[in-house]
C-alpha atoms as a PDB file:
ATOM      1  CA  MET A   1     129.930 124.630  89.260  1.00  0.00           C
ATOM      2  CA  LEU A   2     127.707 123.275  92.048  1.00  0.00           C
ATOM      3  CA  ILE A   3     127.754 119.755  90.586  1.00  0.00           C
ATOM      4  CA  LYS A   4     131.556 119.792  90.328  1.00  0.00           C
ATOM      5  CA  PHE A   5     131.817 120.977  93.924  1.00  0.00           C
ATOM      6  CA  LEU A   6     129.536 118.207  95.216  1.00  0.00           C
ATOM      7  CA  LEU A   7     131.524 115.583  93.324  1.00  0.00           C
ATOM      8  CA  PHE A   8     134.704 116.921  94.849  1.00  0.00           C
ATOM      9  CA  ILE A   9     133.549 116.807  98.459  1.00  0.00           C
ATOM     10  CA  THR A  10     132.118 113.258  98.185  1.00  0.00           C
ATOM     11  CA  ALA A  11     135.015 111.712  96.276  1.00  0.00           C
ATOM     12  CA  PRO A  12     136.793 108.824  98.082  1.00  0.00           C
ATOM     13  CA  LEU A  13     140.100 110.616  97.656  1.00  0.00           C
ATOM     14  CA  CYS A  14     138.990 112.953 100.459  1.00  0.00           C
ATOM     15  CA  ALA A  15     138.844 110.042 102.887  1.00  0.00           C
ATOM     16  CA  GLU A  16     141.342 109.993 105.733  1.00  0.00           C
ATOM     17  CA  THR A  17     144.317 107.692 105.131  1.00  0.00           C
ATOM     18  CA  TYR A  18     145.711 105.241 107.689  1.00  0.00           C
ATOM     19  CA  ASP A  19     148.935 103.259 107.563  1.00  0.00           C
ATOM     20  CA  ALA A  20     147.188 100.217 109.022  1.00  0.00           C
ATOM     21  CA  VAL A  21     143.497  99.375 109.248  1.00  0.00           C
ATOM     22  CA  ILE A  22     142.743  96.331 111.377  1.00  0.00           C
ATOM     23  CA  VAL A  23     139.333  94.732 110.983  1.00  0.00           C
ATOM     24  CA  GLY A  24     138.393  92.924 114.181  1.00  0.00           C
ATOM     25  CA  GLY A  25     138.680  93.684 117.902  1.00  0.00           C
ATOM     26  CA  GLY A  26     139.514  90.310 119.449  1.00  0.00           C
ATOM     27  CA  ALA A  27     142.871  88.996 120.634  1.00  0.00           C
ATOM     28  CA  ALA A  28     144.338  88.984 117.107  1.00  0.00           C
ATOM     29  CA  GLY A  29     143.083  92.418 116.106  1.00  0.00           C
ATOM     30  CA  LEU A  30     143.983  94.204 119.335  1.00  0.00           C
ATOM     31  CA  THR A  31     147.469  92.657 119.413  1.00  0.00           C
ATOM     32  CA  ALA A  32     147.987  93.771 115.814  1.00  0.00           C
ATOM     33  CA  GLY A  33     146.797  97.259 116.766  1.00  0.00           C
ATOM     34  CA  LEU A  34     149.209  97.362 119.699  1.00  0.00           C
ATOM     35  CA  TYR A  35     152.167  96.465 117.489  1.00  0.00           C
ATOM     36  CA  THR A  36     151.382  98.698 114.502  1.00  0.00           C
ATOM     37  CA  SER A  37     150.717 101.737 116.679  1.00  0.00           C
ATOM     38  CA  ARG A  38     153.804 101.085 118.794  1.00  0.00           C
ATOM     39  CA  LEU A  39     155.843 100.933 115.568  1.00  0.00           C
ATOM     40  CA  GLY A  40     154.641 104.440 114.753  1.00  0.00           C
ATOM     41  CA  LEU A  41     152.018 103.541 112.169  1.00  0.00           C
ATOM     42  CA  LYS A  42     148.796 105.517 112.047  1.00  0.00           C
ATOM     43  CA  THR A  43     146.437 102.738 113.125  1.00  0.00           C
ATOM     44  CA  LEU A  44     142.699 102.215 113.177  1.00  0.00           C
ATOM     45  CA  VAL A  45     141.126  99.133 114.755  1.00  0.00           C
ATOM     46  CA  ALA A  46     137.586  98.589 113.473  1.00  0.00           C
ATOM     47  CA  GLU A  47     136.264  96.398 116.272  1.00  0.00           C
ATOM     48  CA  GLY A  48     132.690  96.167 114.996  1.00  0.00           C
ATOM     49  CA  ASP A  49     129.504  96.552 117.004  1.00  0.00           C
ATOM     50  CA  LEU A  50     130.251  93.414 119.080  1.00  0.00           C
ATOM     51  CA  PRO A  51     133.801  94.144 120.289  1.00  0.00           C
ATOM     52  CA  GLY A  52     136.163  91.710 121.925  1.00  0.00           C
ATOM     53  CA  GLY A  53     135.576  88.496 120.028  1.00  0.00           C
ATOM     54  CA  GLN A  54     134.914  85.176 121.716  1.00  0.00           C
ATOM     55  CA  LEU A  55     137.100  85.929 124.730  1.00  0.00           C
ATOM     56  CA  THR A  56     134.325  88.185 125.993  1.00  0.00           C
ATOM     57  CA  THR A  57     132.135  85.066 126.385  1.00  0.00           C
ATOM     58  CA  THR A  58     134.862  83.022 128.096  1.00  0.00           C
ATOM     59  CA  HIS A  59     134.548  83.035 131.866  1.00  0.00           C
ATOM     60  CA  LEU A  60     138.052  82.042 132.973  1.00  0.00           C
ATOM     61  CA  VAL A  61     141.087  81.866 130.679  1.00  0.00           C
ATOM     62  CA  GLU A  62     143.635  79.595 132.341  1.00  0.00           C
ATOM     63  CA  ASN A  63     146.112  79.028 129.505  1.00  0.00           C
ATOM     64  CA  PHE A  64     147.120  82.584 128.577  1.00  0.00           C
ATOM     65  CA  PRO A  65     150.764  83.134 129.671  1.00  0.00           C
ATOM     66  CA  GLY A  66     151.336  85.594 132.476  1.00  0.00           C
ATOM     67  CA  PHE A  67     148.241  84.763 134.515  1.00  0.00           C
ATOM     68  CA  PRO A  68     149.092  81.867 136.857  1.00  0.00           C
ATOM     69  CA  GLU A  69     145.674  82.023 138.530  1.00  0.00           C
ATOM     70  CA  GLY A  70     143.822  82.560 135.252  1.00  0.00           C
ATOM     71  CA  VAL A  71     142.101  85.708 134.027  1.00  0.00           C
ATOM     72  CA  LEU A  72     138.520  86.538 133.111  1.00  0.00           C
ATOM     73  CA  GLY A  73     138.040  86.693 129.332  1.00  0.00           C
ATOM     74  CA  PRO A  74     136.443  90.173 129.300  1.00  0.00           C
ATOM     75  CA  GLU A  75     139.187  91.472 131.598  1.00  0.00           C
ATOM     76  CA  LEU A  76     141.915  90.139 129.296  1.00  0.00           C
ATOM     77  CA  ILE A  77     140.305  91.792 126.274  1.00  0.00           C
ATOM     78  CA  ASP A  78     139.831  95.070 128.154  1.00  0.00           C
ATOM     79  CA  ASN A  79     143.528  95.124 129.069  1.00  0.00           C
ATOM     80  CA  MET A  80     144.527  94.440 125.445  1.00  0.00           C
ATOM     81  CA  ARG A  81     142.272  97.272 124.312  1.00  0.00           C
ATOM     82  CA  LYS A  82     143.740  99.719 126.854  1.00  0.00           C
ATOM     83  CA  GLN A  83     147.258  98.764 125.809  1.00  0.00           C
ATOM     84  CA  ALA A  84     146.547  99.401 122.124  1.00  0.00           C
ATOM     85  CA  LEU A  85     144.972 102.765 122.964  1.00  0.00           C
ATOM     86  CA  ARG A  86     147.953 103.686 125.127  1.00  0.00           C
ATOM     87  CA  TYR A  87     150.282 103.510 122.132  1.00  0.00           C
ATOM     88  CA  GLY A  88     148.055 105.584 119.894  1.00  0.00           C
ATOM     89  CA  ALA A  89     145.742 103.158 118.111  1.00  0.00           C
ATOM     90  CA  GLN A  90     142.318 104.533 117.277  1.00  0.00           C
ATOM     91  CA  ILE A  91     139.458 102.116 117.942  1.00  0.00           C
ATOM     92  CA  ARG A  92     136.190 102.424 116.110  1.00  0.00           C
ATOM     93  CA  THR A  93     132.983 100.625 117.053  1.00  0.00           C
ATOM     94  CA  ASN A  94     131.553 100.093 113.588  1.00  0.00           C
ATOM     95  CA  ASN A  95     131.466  97.237 111.102  1.00  0.00           C
ATOM     96  CA  VAL A  96     133.423  97.230 107.876  1.00  0.00           C
ATOM     97  CA  LYS A  97     131.070  96.531 104.985  1.00  0.00           C
ATOM     98  CA  ARG A  98     133.608  96.100 102.185  1.00  0.00           C
ATOM     99  CA  ILE A  99     137.189  96.833 101.194  1.00  0.00           C
ATOM    100  CA  ASP A 100     137.948  97.814  97.618  1.00  0.00           C
ATOM    101  CA  PHE A 101     141.259  96.185  96.714  1.00  0.00           C
ATOM    102  CA  THR A 102     141.283  97.345  93.088  1.00  0.00           C
ATOM    103  CA  ASN A 103     143.203 100.562  93.746  1.00  0.00           C
ATOM    104  CA  TYR A 104     145.978 101.366  96.228  1.00  0.00           C
ATOM    105  CA  PRO A 105     145.694 102.709  98.912  1.00  0.00           C
ATOM    106  CA  TYR A 106     142.699 100.451  99.511  1.00  0.00           C
ATOM    107  CA  THR A 107     139.279 101.948 100.254  1.00  0.00           C
ATOM    108  CA  VAL A 108     137.523 100.747 103.397  1.00  0.00           C
ATOM    109  CA  GLU A 109     133.759 101.218 103.489  1.00  0.00           C
ATOM    110  CA  PHE A 110     131.846 101.070 106.776  1.00  0.00           C
ATOM    111  CA  THR A 111     128.242  99.992 107.199  1.00  0.00           C
ATOM    112  CA  LYS A 112     127.317 103.573 108.045  1.00  0.00           C
ATOM    113  CA  GLY A 113     128.558 104.568 104.598  1.00  0.00           C
ATOM    114  CA  ASP A 114     131.706 106.509 105.450  1.00  0.00           C
ATOM    115  CA  LEU A 115     135.035 105.696 103.803  1.00  0.00           C
ATOM    116  CA  LEU A 116     138.716 105.751 104.634  1.00  0.00           C
ATOM    117  CA  LYS A 117     141.947 104.749 102.914  1.00  0.00           C
ATOM    118  CA  ALA A 118     144.319 102.043 104.095  1.00  0.00           C
ATOM    119  CA  LYS A 119     147.957 101.537 103.083  1.00  0.00           C
ATOM    120  CA  SER A 120     147.822  98.115 104.748  1.00  0.00           C
ATOM    121  CA  VAL A 121     144.982  95.958 106.047  1.00  0.00           C
ATOM    122  CA  ILE A 122     144.922  93.223 108.688  1.00  0.00           C
ATOM    123  CA  ILE A 123     141.838  90.999 108.701  1.00  0.00           C
ATOM    124  CA  ALA A 124     141.102  89.567 112.141  1.00  0.00           C
ATOM    125  CA  THR A 125     137.330  89.170 112.221  1.00  0.00           C
ATOM    126  CA  GLY A 126     137.404  85.833 114.032  1.00  0.00           C
ATOM    127  CA  SER A 127     134.627  83.254 113.831  1.00  0.00           C
ATOM    128  CA  SER A 128     131.068  82.598 114.998  1.00  0.00           C
ATOM    129  CA  PRO A 129     129.474  79.524 116.572  1.00  0.00           C
ATOM    130  CA  ARG A 130     128.286  76.826 114.185  1.00  0.00           C
ATOM    131  CA  LEU A 131     124.650  75.854 114.705  1.00  0.00           C
ATOM    132  CA  LEU A 132     122.747  72.632 114.129  1.00  0.00           C
ATOM    133  CA  GLY A 133     120.521  74.107 111.435  1.00  0.00           C
ATOM    134  CA  LEU A 134     117.222  72.942 112.954  1.00  0.00           C
ATOM    135  CA  PRO A 135     114.113  75.142 112.513  1.00  0.00           C
ATOM    136  CA  SER A 136     113.316  74.692 116.209  1.00  0.00           C
ATOM    137  CA  GLU A 137     116.848  75.812 117.081  1.00  0.00           C
ATOM    138  CA  SER A 138     116.327  79.129 115.287  1.00  0.00           C
ATOM    139  CA  ALA A 139     112.830  79.592 116.717  1.00  0.00           C
ATOM    140  CA  LEU A 140     114.052  79.032 120.275  1.00  0.00           C
ATOM    141  CA  PHE A 141     117.356  80.865 120.114  1.00  0.00           C
ATOM    142  CA  GLY A 142     117.450  83.052 123.211  1.00  0.00           C
ATOM    143  CA  LYS A 143     114.447  81.165 124.614  1.00  0.00           C
ATOM    144  CA  GLY A 144     116.260  78.102 125.879  1.00  0.00           C
ATOM    145  CA  VAL A 145     118.783  77.640 123.058  1.00  0.00           C
ATOM    146  CA  SER A 146     122.150  79.338 123.531  1.00  0.00           C
ATOM    147  CA  THR A 147     125.800  79.264 122.502  1.00  0.00           C
ATOM    148  CA  CYS A 148     127.118  81.018 125.604  1.00  0.00           C
ATOM    149  CA  ALA A 149     127.073  79.406 129.043  1.00  0.00           C
ATOM    150  CA  VAL A 150     129.005  82.364 130.466  1.00  0.00           C
ATOM    151  CA  CYS A 151     126.078  84.555 129.434  1.00  0.00           C
ATOM    152  CA  ASP A 152     123.181  82.274 130.346  1.00  0.00           C
ATOM    153  CA  ALA A 153     124.295  79.663 132.910  1.00  0.00           C
ATOM    154  CA  PRO A 154     122.781  81.529 135.911  1.00  0.00           C
ATOM    155  CA  LEU A 155     119.359  81.124 134.274  1.00  0.00           C
ATOM    156  CA  TYR A 156     119.589  77.360 134.804  1.00  0.00           C
ATOM    157  CA  GLN A 157     119.825  77.278 138.569  1.00  0.00           C
ATOM    158  CA  ASP A 158     118.527  73.839 139.681  1.00  0.00           C
ATOM    159  CA  LYS A 159     117.474  72.988 136.125  1.00  0.00           C
ATOM    160  CA  ILE A 160     118.619  70.499 133.486  1.00  0.00           C
ATOM    161  CA  ALA A 161     120.813  71.691 130.618  1.00  0.00           C
ATOM    162  CA  VAL A 162     122.072  69.868 127.531  1.00  0.00           C
ATOM    163  CA  VAL A 163     125.386  70.694 125.850  1.00  0.00           C
ATOM    164  CA  VAL A 164     125.903  69.528 122.258  1.00  0.00           C
ATOM    165  CA  GLY A 165     129.524  68.916 121.229  1.00  0.00           C
ATOM    166  CA  GLY A 166     132.730  67.146 122.187  1.00  0.00           C
ATOM    167  CA  GLY A 167     135.547  69.692 122.066  1.00  0.00           C
ATOM    168  CA  ASP A 168     137.076  72.146 124.529  1.00  0.00           C
ATOM    169  CA  SER A 169     134.220  74.615 124.051  1.00  0.00           C
ATOM    170  CA  ALA A 170     131.563  72.009 124.819  1.00  0.00           C
ATOM    171  CA  PHE A 171     133.342  70.809 127.946  1.00  0.00           C
ATOM    172  CA  GLU A 172     133.939  74.372 129.144  1.00  0.00           C
ATOM    173  CA  GLU A 173     130.231  75.105 128.643  1.00  0.00           C
ATOM    174  CA  ALA A 174     129.309  71.978 130.601  1.00  0.00           C
ATOM    175  CA  LEU A 175     131.618  72.852 133.496  1.00  0.00           C
ATOM    176  CA  MET A 176     130.256  76.379 133.694  1.00  0.00           C
ATOM    177  CA  LEU A 177     126.667  75.103 133.662  1.00  0.00           C
ATOM    178  CA  SER A 178     127.446  72.490 136.320  1.00  0.00           C
ATOM    179  CA  LYS A 179     127.913  75.283 138.864  1.00  0.00           C
ATOM    180  CA  PHE A 180     124.255  76.241 138.494  1.00  0.00           C
ATOM    181  CA  ALA A 181     122.250  73.404 136.961  1.00  0.00           C
ATOM    182  CA  LYS A 182     121.224  70.344 138.952  1.00  0.00           C
ATOM    183  CA  LYS A 183     122.216  68.224 135.952  1.00  0.00           C
ATOM    184  CA  VAL A 184     124.178  68.762 132.736  1.00  0.00           C
ATOM    185  CA  ILE A 185     123.974  66.270 129.875  1.00  0.00           C
ATOM    186  CA  VAL A 186     126.696  66.367 127.191  1.00  0.00           C
ATOM    187  CA  VAL A 187     125.510  64.911 123.882  1.00  0.00           C
ATOM    188  CA  HIS A 188     128.102  63.912 121.276  1.00  0.00           C
ATOM    189  CA  ARG A 189     127.892  62.099 117.944  1.00  0.00           C
ATOM    190  CA  SER A 190     130.689  59.620 118.791  1.00  0.00           C
ATOM    191  CA  ASP A 191     132.785  58.442 121.732  1.00  0.00           C
ATOM    192  CA  GLN A 192     135.860  60.350 120.517  1.00  0.00           C
ATOM    193  CA  PHE A 193     136.331  63.774 122.085  1.00  0.00           C
ATOM    194  CA  LYS A 194     138.604  66.596 120.892  1.00  0.00           C
ATOM    195  CA  ALA A 195     138.629  68.200 124.327  1.00  0.00           C
ATOM    196  CA  SER A 196     141.913  68.423 126.228  1.00  0.00           C
ATOM    197  CA  ASN A 197     142.759  65.829 128.876  1.00  0.00           C
ATOM    198  CA  VAL A 198     142.577  68.503 131.574  1.00  0.00           C
ATOM    199  CA  LEU A 199     138.951  69.225 130.704  1.00  0.00           C
ATOM    200  CA  LYS A 200     138.114  65.533 130.318  1.00  0.00           C
ATOM    201  CA  ASN A 201     139.400  64.876 133.816  1.00  0.00           C
ATOM    202  CA  ARG A 202     137.348  67.736 135.239  1.00  0.00           C
ATOM    203  CA  ILE A 203     134.205  66.477 133.513  1.00  0.00           C
ATOM    204  CA  GLU A 204     134.750  62.972 134.914  1.00  0.00           C
ATOM    205  CA  LYS A 205     135.111  64.370 138.427  1.00  0.00           C
ATOM    206  CA  THR A 206     131.990  66.549 138.198  1.00  0.00           C
ATOM    207  CA  LYS A 207     129.135  64.509 139.631  1.00  0.00           C
ATOM    208  CA  ASN A 208     126.251  66.371 138.006  1.00  0.00           C
ATOM    209  CA  ILE A 209     127.591  65.989 134.429  1.00  0.00           C
ATOM    210  CA  GLU A 210     126.465  63.010 132.351  1.00  0.00           C
ATOM    211  CA  ILE A 211     127.843  62.178 128.883  1.00  0.00           C
ATOM    212  CA  LYS A 212     125.741  60.515 126.185  1.00  0.00           C
ATOM    213  CA  THR A 213     127.759  59.314 123.185  1.00  0.00           C
ATOM    214  CA  PHE A 214     126.730  58.311 119.653  1.00  0.00           C
ATOM    215  CA  LYS A 215     123.807  60.745 119.764  1.00  0.00           C
ATOM    216  CA  THR A 216     122.774  63.432 117.266  1.00  0.00           C
ATOM    217  CA  VAL A 217     120.076  66.011 117.947  1.00  0.00           C
ATOM    218  CA  GLN A 218     117.069  65.718 115.623  1.00  0.00           C
ATOM    219  CA  GLU A 219     114.639  68.123 117.234  1.00  0.00           C
ATOM    220  CA  ILE A 220     114.214  70.562 120.112  1.00  0.00           C
ATOM    221  CA  LEU A 221     110.733  70.319 121.604  1.00  0.00           C
ATOM    222  CA  ASP A 222     108.906  73.477 122.597  1.00  0.00           C
ATOM    223  CA  PRO A 223     105.208  72.821 123.307  1.00  0.00           C
ATOM    224  CA  GLN A 224     104.611  76.407 124.441  1.00  0.00           C
ATOM    225  CA  LYS A 225     106.569  77.838 121.491  1.00  0.00           C
ATOM    226  CA  ASP A 226     108.634  79.940 123.876  1.00  0.00           C
ATOM    227  CA  ASP A 227     110.576  77.478 126.021  1.00  0.00           C
ATOM    228  CA  VAL A 228     112.533  74.216 125.786  1.00  0.00           C
ATOM    229  CA  GLU A 229     111.004  71.048 127.212  1.00  0.00           C
ATOM    230  CA  ALA A 230     113.164  68.270 125.714  1.00  0.00           C
ATOM    231  CA  ILE A 231     115.293  67.195 122.777  1.00  0.00           C
ATOM    232  CA  ILE A 232     114.996  64.189 120.480  1.00  0.00           C
ATOM    233  CA  VAL A 233     118.305  62.443 119.758  1.00  0.00           C
ATOM    234  CA  THR A 234     119.067  59.588 117.386  1.00  0.00           C
ATOM    235  CA  ASP A 235     121.587  56.861 118.183  1.00  0.00           C
ATOM    236  CA  THR A 236     124.103  56.865 115.305  1.00  0.00           C
ATOM    237  CA  ARG A 237     124.633  53.100 115.674  1.00  0.00           C
ATOM    238  CA  THR A 238     121.071  51.804 116.000  1.00  0.00           C
ATOM    239  CA  GLY A 239     118.986  54.620 114.515  1.00  0.00           C
ATOM    240  CA  LYS A 240     116.691  54.600 117.548  1.00  0.00           C
ATOM    241  CA  ASN A 241     115.306  57.859 118.884  1.00  0.00           C
ATOM    242  CA  GLU A 242     115.408  58.962 122.515  1.00  0.00           C
ATOM    243  CA  LYS A 243     113.700  61.839 124.277  1.00  0.00           C
ATOM    244  CA  ILE A 244     115.840  63.744 126.791  1.00  0.00           C
ATOM    245  CA  THR A 245     113.975  66.090 129.116  1.00  0.00           C
ATOM    246  CA  CYS A 246     115.771  69.397 129.659  1.00  0.00           C
ATOM    247  CA  ASP A 247     115.244  73.108 130.241  1.00  0.00           C
ATOM    248  CA  GLY A 248     117.913  74.442 127.898  1.00  0.00           C
ATOM    249  CA  VAL A 249     120.248  73.492 125.054  1.00  0.00           C
ATOM    250  CA  PHE A 250     123.750  74.907 124.543  1.00  0.00           C
ATOM    251  CA  ILE A 251     125.303  74.403 121.103  1.00  0.00           C
ATOM    252  CA  ALA A 252     129.103  74.004 121.004  1.00  0.00           C
ATOM    253  CA  ILE A 253     129.924  72.198 117.738  1.00  0.00           C
ATOM    254  CA  GLY A 254     132.536  74.412 116.164  1.00  0.00           C
ATOM    255  CA  GLN A 255     133.036  77.759 114.520  1.00  0.00           C
ATOM    256  CA  ILE A 256     132.516  79.429 111.138  1.00  0.00           C
ATOM    257  CA  PRO A 257     135.070  82.075 110.021  1.00  0.00           C
ATOM    258  CA  ASN A 258     133.555  85.561 109.792  1.00  0.00           C
ATOM    259  CA  THR A 259     134.666  86.077 106.210  1.00  0.00           C
ATOM    260  CA  SER A 260     131.443  86.066 104.158  1.00  0.00           C
ATOM    261  CA  TRP A 261     131.768  89.836 103.697  1.00  0.00           C
ATOM    262  CA  LEU A 262     135.022  89.180 101.807  1.00  0.00           C
ATOM    263  CA  ALA A 263     133.653  86.518  99.449  1.00  0.00           C
ATOM    264  CA  ASN A 264     133.613  88.765  96.366  1.00  0.00           C
ATOM    265  CA  ASP A 265     137.038  90.287  96.944  1.00  0.00           C
ATOM    266  CA  ILE A 266     139.360  87.636  98.449  1.00  0.00           C
ATOM    267  CA  GLU A 267     139.819  83.937  97.732  1.00  0.00           C
ATOM    268  CA  LEU A 268     138.303  81.714 100.430  1.00  0.00           C
ATOM    269  CA  ASP A 269     138.296  77.941 100.789  1.00  0.00           C
ATOM    270  CA  GLU A 270     135.181  75.801 101.281  1.00  0.00           C
ATOM    271  CA  ARG A 271     135.317  76.397 105.030  1.00  0.00           C
ATOM    272  CA  GLY A 272     135.493  80.170 104.649  1.00  0.00           C
ATOM    273  CA  LEU A 273     139.176  80.429 105.569  1.00  0.00           C
ATOM    274  CA  ILE A 274     141.267  83.005 103.709  1.00  0.00           C
ATOM    275  CA  LEU A 275     143.511  81.440 101.048  1.00  0.00           C
ATOM    276  CA  SER A 276     145.251  84.408  99.432  1.00  0.00           C
ATOM    277  CA  MET A 277     145.341  88.182  99.776  1.00  0.00           C
ATOM    278  CA  PRO A 278     146.357  91.234  97.736  1.00  0.00           C
ATOM    279  CA  PRO A 279     149.692  92.953  98.478  1.00  0.00           C
ATOM    280  CA  GLY A 280     149.659  94.743 101.812  1.00  0.00           C
ATOM    281  CA  VAL A 281     146.764  92.672 103.156  1.00  0.00           C
ATOM    282  CA  PHE A 282     147.386  90.257 106.030  1.00  0.00           C
ATOM    283  CA  ALA A 283     145.248  88.016 108.224  1.00  0.00           C
ATOM    284  CA  ALA A 284     145.361  86.654 111.762  1.00  0.00           C
ATOM    285  CA  GLY A 285     143.330  84.421 114.032  1.00  0.00           C
ATOM    286  CA  ASP A 286     140.331  82.246 113.198  1.00  0.00           C
ATOM    287  CA  VAL A 287     140.034  83.584 109.628  1.00  0.00           C
ATOM    288  CA  ILE A 288     143.138  81.548 108.729  1.00  0.00           C
ATOM    289  CA  ASP A 289     143.479  79.082 111.615  1.00  0.00           C
ATOM    290  CA  HIS A 290     141.287  75.993 111.949  1.00  0.00           C
ATOM    291  CA  VAL A 291     143.800  73.946 113.960  1.00  0.00           C
ATOM    292  CA  TYR A 292     145.031  75.788 117.063  1.00  0.00           C
ATOM    293  CA  ARG A 293     142.127  78.167 117.754  1.00  0.00           C
ATOM    294  CA  GLN A 294     143.595  79.531 120.993  1.00  0.00           C
ATOM    295  CA  ALA A 295     143.705  83.103 122.262  1.00  0.00           C
ATOM    296  CA  ILE A 296     147.489  83.009 122.538  1.00  0.00           C
ATOM    297  CA  ALA A 297     147.785  81.701 118.954  1.00  0.00           C
ATOM    298  CA  ALA A 298     145.498  84.482 117.716  1.00  0.00           C
ATOM    299  CA  ALA A 299     147.508  87.101 119.606  1.00  0.00           C
ATOM    300  CA  GLY A 300     150.760  85.736 118.184  1.00  0.00           C
ATOM    301  CA  ALA A 301     149.319  85.777 114.679  1.00  0.00           C
ATOM    302  CA  GLY A 302     148.207  89.371 115.235  1.00  0.00           C
ATOM    303  CA  CYS A 303     151.764  90.275 116.174  1.00  0.00           C
ATOM    304  CA  MET A 304     153.163  88.595 113.057  1.00  0.00           C
ATOM    305  CA  ALA A 305     150.601  90.259 110.787  1.00  0.00           C
ATOM    306  CA  ALA A 306     151.480  93.657 112.266  1.00  0.00           C
ATOM    307  CA  LEU A 307     155.211  93.122 111.697  1.00  0.00           C
ATOM    308  CA  ASP A 308     154.509  91.956 108.133  1.00  0.00           C
ATOM    309  CA  ALA A 309     152.422  95.071 107.528  1.00  0.00           C
ATOM    310  CA  TYR A 310     155.235  97.248 108.869  1.00  0.00           C
ATOM    311  CA  GLN A 311     157.791  95.583 106.606  1.00  0.00           C
ATOM    312  CA  PHE A 312     155.448  95.962 103.631  1.00  0.00           C
ATOM    313  CA  LEU A 313     155.077  99.706 104.256  1.00  0.00           C
ATOM    314  CA  GLN A 314     158.835 100.080 104.680  1.00  0.00           C
ATOM    315  CA  SER A 315     159.378  98.415 101.316  1.00  0.00           C
ATOM    316  CA  LYS A 316     156.737 100.664  99.706  1.00  0.00           C
ATOM    317  CA  GLU A 317     158.552 103.727 101.010  1.00  0.00           C
ATOM    318  CA  GLY A 318     161.766 102.409  99.482  1.00  0.00           C
ATOM    319  CA  GLU A 319     160.065 101.974  96.117  1.00  0.00           C
ATOM    320  CA  ASP A 320     158.688 105.529  96.220  1.00  0.00           C
ATOM    321  CA  GLN A 321     162.090 107.109  96.871  1.00  0.00           C
END
């Protein structure tokens, strides 16, 4: 009798059931949570142990509608979070370990081991910065190597900082650093930049920013094993090496979708983007978008995923009647 009782109380069927479980607490996930909860769905947003997504590392967001003077990234995320909570969404600071899609409602397992059931799922786990892959980069991460100028720029007051990359993120990092560092050097593998014209113009007008093109980083030098002294770059046209003295290196060369935890359960492409999903499962933001990659696009996709989830649940109710 005791064994039967223990099996009963630990069975997944005892787990609480939600109409919508949203995995991710950035612009896409919080917008989805706002819409599903406002539509009357019992909603849980699993924001993970690093809530807010990449907007929390963005100093000033100038292209989100409704903020003519711009808005701080963390402030924008905080307002989205408050709005979702206002309409009844529950927000949980814990990572989802796995979702079992073999039986409906789907079983969501958290890293702490607890389970819940989901009638619909929205995946909005965003992406993470792509790194160079150098051993010295890993050894010095947090000791002169960074991916977040918003976090670390004040540490480079009157110093020299290098930014690696040629897109919006790289130029935004450089502009942020230029307010503190005496010199910022942007290193890029070609002379073609993906950054917007607005950012290009700002870079050109910023006197303490220098751009070096046709350069790839080969090594980050750290004679003391705890600080950055210089980088070695190779000219992609001539093959010649050059040493650039600096105090810090900021990597801004793209993003990797945070989907590795789904690899055994959902079809992904070679980049890690979601290709297809089971019924009642939807996705929004950087896990499906490699083109637009904007906060407003992620928020819009979160809205669409929420409406799709609502329609799916409505159709399920019709089938059950």
